[in-house]
Amino acid sequence: MFDAVCCNLNIDREKIVRTISTFGNSSAATIPLSLSIANEQRRFSPDEKLLLTAAGAGLSCSAHE
């Protein structure tokens, strides 16, 4: 899924925060967890744009910019 989003939106794969290998399926906590980890690694700048996406079980999914 990550690779498809990167390909379709022309986003460098190195910019993606992936937490599933470390924390497993964190479901509803995926976005806040990923934001926290990314911000620890490199502080966000005030004018930086973030693409926040998550997929739930079944047919559920979400995206917010």
N, C-alpha and C. Protein backbone atom coordinates (compact mmCIF):
# COMPACT_ATOMS: atom_id res chain seq x y z
N MET A 1 0.83 -1.18 0.00
CA MET A 1 0.00 0.00 0.00
C MET A 1 0.88 1.26 0.00
N PHE A 2 1.95 1.26 0.82
CA PHE A 2 2.85 2.41 0.86
C PHE A 2 3.44 2.69 -0.51
N ASP A 3 3.89 1.63 -1.17
CA ASP A 3 4.53 1.79 -2.48
C ASP A 3 3.56 2.34 -3.51
N ALA A 4 2.30 1.89 -3.47
CA ALA A 4 1.30 2.38 -4.42
C ALA A 4 1.03 3.87 -4.20
N VAL A 5 0.91 4.29 -2.95
CA VAL A 5 0.67 5.71 -2.65
C VAL A 5 1.85 6.55 -3.11
N CYS A 6 3.06 6.10 -2.80
CA CYS A 6 4.27 6.83 -3.22
C CYS A 6 4.33 6.96 -4.74
N CYS A 7 4.03 5.87 -5.43
CA CYS A 7 4.09 5.87 -6.89
C CYS A 7 3.02 6.80 -7.46
N ASN A 8 1.79 6.68 -6.98
CA ASN A 8 0.69 7.48 -7.52
C ASN A 8 0.84 8.97 -7.25
N LEU A 9 1.44 9.33 -6.11
CA LEU A 9 1.58 10.74 -5.75
C LEU A 9 2.99 11.28 -5.98
N ASN A 10 3.86 10.43 -6.56
CA ASN A 10 5.24 10.82 -6.83
C ASN A 10 5.96 11.31 -5.58
N ILE A 11 5.87 10.52 -4.51
CA ILE A 11 6.51 10.83 -3.23
C ILE A 11 7.71 9.91 -3.06
N ASP A 12 8.83 10.47 -2.65
CA ASP A 12 10.04 9.69 -2.38
C ASP A 12 9.75 8.72 -1.24
N ARG A 13 10.04 7.44 -1.42
CA ARG A 13 9.77 6.42 -0.40
C ARG A 13 10.51 6.67 0.90
N GLU A 14 11.61 7.39 0.84
CA GLU A 14 12.38 7.70 2.05
C GLU A 14 11.66 8.68 2.97
N LYS A 15 10.64 9.35 2.47
CA LYS A 15 9.89 10.32 3.27
C LYS A 15 8.74 9.68 4.04
N ILE A 16 8.50 8.41 3.82
CA ILE A 16 7.38 7.71 4.44
C ILE A 16 7.79 7.18 5.82
N VAL A 17 6.93 7.37 6.81
CA VAL A 17 7.14 6.82 8.14
C VAL A 17 6.37 5.51 8.21
N ARG A 18 7.10 4.42 8.44
CA ARG A 18 6.47 3.10 8.53
C ARG A 18 6.70 2.55 9.93
N THR A 19 5.64 2.23 10.62
CA THR A 19 5.75 1.75 12.00
C THR A 19 5.32 0.29 12.17
N ILE A 20 4.79 -0.33 11.14
CA ILE A 20 4.21 -1.66 11.29
C ILE A 20 5.25 -2.72 11.66
N SER A 21 6.46 -2.62 11.16
CA SER A 21 7.47 -3.63 11.47
C SER A 21 7.92 -3.55 12.93
N THR A 22 7.82 -2.38 13.54
CA THR A 22 8.22 -2.19 14.93
C THR A 22 7.07 -2.39 15.90
N PHE A 23 5.90 -1.84 15.56
CA PHE A 23 4.77 -1.82 16.49
C PHE A 23 3.60 -2.70 16.07
N GLY A 24 3.67 -3.31 14.90
CA GLY A 24 2.55 -4.11 14.41
C GLY A 24 1.43 -3.22 13.93
N ASN A 25 0.24 -3.78 13.80
CA ASN A 25 -0.91 -3.02 13.34
C ASN A 25 -1.44 -2.19 14.51
N SER A 26 -1.15 -0.91 14.49
CA SER A 26 -1.56 -0.03 15.60
C SER A 26 -2.93 0.60 15.36
N SER A 27 -3.58 0.24 14.26
CA SER A 27 -4.96 0.64 13.95
C SER A 27 -5.17 2.15 14.13
N ALA A 28 -6.05 2.56 15.01
CA ALA A 28 -6.41 3.98 15.17
C ALA A 28 -5.24 4.83 15.67
N ALA A 29 -4.23 4.21 16.24
CA ALA A 29 -3.07 4.96 16.76
C ALA A 29 -1.98 5.17 15.72
N THR A 30 -2.18 4.66 14.51
CA THR A 30 -1.13 4.73 13.49
C THR A 30 -0.68 6.16 13.20
N ILE A 31 -1.60 7.07 12.96
CA ILE A 31 -1.22 8.45 12.61
C ILE A 31 -0.54 9.16 13.78
N PRO A 32 -1.11 9.18 15.00
CA PRO A 32 -0.41 9.86 16.09
C PRO A 32 0.94 9.22 16.42
N LEU A 33 1.02 7.90 16.34
CA LEU A 33 2.29 7.21 16.59
C LEU A 33 3.33 7.61 15.55
N SER A 34 2.94 7.59 14.29
CA SER A 34 3.87 7.96 13.21
C SER A 34 4.30 9.42 13.30
N LEU A 35 3.37 10.31 13.64
CA LEU A 35 3.71 11.73 13.81
C LEU A 35 4.73 11.91 14.94
N SER A 36 4.52 11.22 16.03
CA SER A 36 5.43 11.33 17.17
C SER A 36 6.83 10.85 16.80
N ILE A 37 6.91 9.72 16.14
CA ILE A 37 8.21 9.16 15.75
C ILE A 37 8.90 10.06 14.73
N ALA A 38 8.16 10.52 13.72
CA ALA A 38 8.76 11.39 12.70
C ALA A 38 9.25 12.70 13.31
N ASN A 39 8.49 13.27 14.23
CA ASN A 39 8.88 14.54 14.86
C ASN A 39 10.09 14.37 15.77
N GLU A 40 10.25 13.20 16.37
CA GLU A 40 11.45 12.93 17.17
C GLU A 40 12.68 12.82 16.29
N GLN A 41 12.53 12.21 15.12
CA GLN A 41 13.65 12.03 14.21
C GLN A 41 14.08 13.33 13.57
N ARG A 42 13.11 14.18 13.24
CA ARG A 42 13.39 15.47 12.61
C ARG A 42 12.19 16.37 12.88
N ARG A 43 12.42 17.45 13.59
CA ARG A 43 11.34 18.37 13.93
C ARG A 43 10.64 18.91 12.69
N PHE A 44 9.32 18.99 12.75
CA PHE A 44 8.56 19.57 11.65
C PHE A 44 8.74 21.09 11.65
N SER A 45 8.78 21.66 10.45
CA SER A 45 8.85 23.12 10.35
C SER A 45 7.42 23.66 10.30
N PRO A 46 7.22 24.92 10.74
CA PRO A 46 5.87 25.49 10.79
C PRO A 46 5.14 25.51 9.44
N ASP A 47 5.86 25.66 8.33
CA ASP A 47 5.20 25.74 7.02
C ASP A 47 5.22 24.41 6.26
N GLU A 48 5.67 23.36 6.91
CA GLU A 48 5.75 22.05 6.27
C GLU A 48 4.37 21.43 6.08
N LYS A 49 4.16 20.81 4.93
CA LYS A 49 2.89 20.12 4.67
C LYS A 49 3.09 18.63 4.90
N LEU A 50 2.09 18.02 5.55
CA LEU A 50 2.15 16.59 5.84
C LEU A 50 0.96 15.91 5.19
N LEU A 51 1.17 14.72 4.67
CA LEU A 51 0.09 13.89 4.16
C LEU A 51 -0.12 12.78 5.18
N LEU A 52 -1.30 12.72 5.79
CA LEU A 52 -1.60 11.74 6.82
C LEU A 52 -2.59 10.73 6.27
N THR A 53 -2.19 9.48 6.22
CA THR A 53 -3.08 8.45 5.72
C THR A 53 -3.06 7.24 6.64
N ALA A 54 -4.17 6.55 6.70
CA ALA A 54 -4.25 5.31 7.47
C ALA A 54 -5.31 4.43 6.83
N ALA A 55 -5.15 3.14 6.96
CA ALA A 55 -6.15 2.20 6.45
C ALA A 55 -6.60 1.33 7.61
N GLY A 56 -7.89 1.15 7.72
CA GLY A 56 -8.45 0.33 8.79
C GLY A 56 -8.80 -1.05 8.30
N ALA A 57 -9.42 -1.82 9.16
CA ALA A 57 -9.85 -3.18 8.81
C ALA A 57 -11.02 -3.13 7.83
N GLY A 58 -11.14 -4.13 7.04
CA GLY A 58 -12.25 -4.22 6.10
C GLY A 58 -12.14 -3.16 5.02
N LEU A 59 -13.21 -2.43 4.82
CA LEU A 59 -13.26 -1.43 3.77
C LEU A 59 -13.03 -0.01 4.29
N SER A 60 -12.59 0.13 5.52
CA SER A 60 -12.38 1.45 6.11
C SER A 60 -11.04 2.02 5.69
N CYS A 61 -11.01 3.33 5.43
CA CYS A 61 -9.75 4.01 5.19
C CYS A 61 -9.94 5.49 5.46
N SER A 62 -8.82 6.20 5.60
CA SER A 62 -8.90 7.62 5.91
C SER A 62 -7.69 8.34 5.35
N ALA A 63 -7.85 9.59 5.02
CA ALA A 63 -6.74 10.44 4.60
C ALA A 63 -7.09 11.87 4.98
N HIS A 64 -6.09 12.61 5.42
CA HIS A 64 -6.29 14.00 5.81
C HIS A 64 -5.03 14.77 5.52
N GLU A 65 -5.15 15.95 4.96
CA GLU A 65 -3.98 16.80 4.69
C GLU A 65 -4.00 17.97 5.61
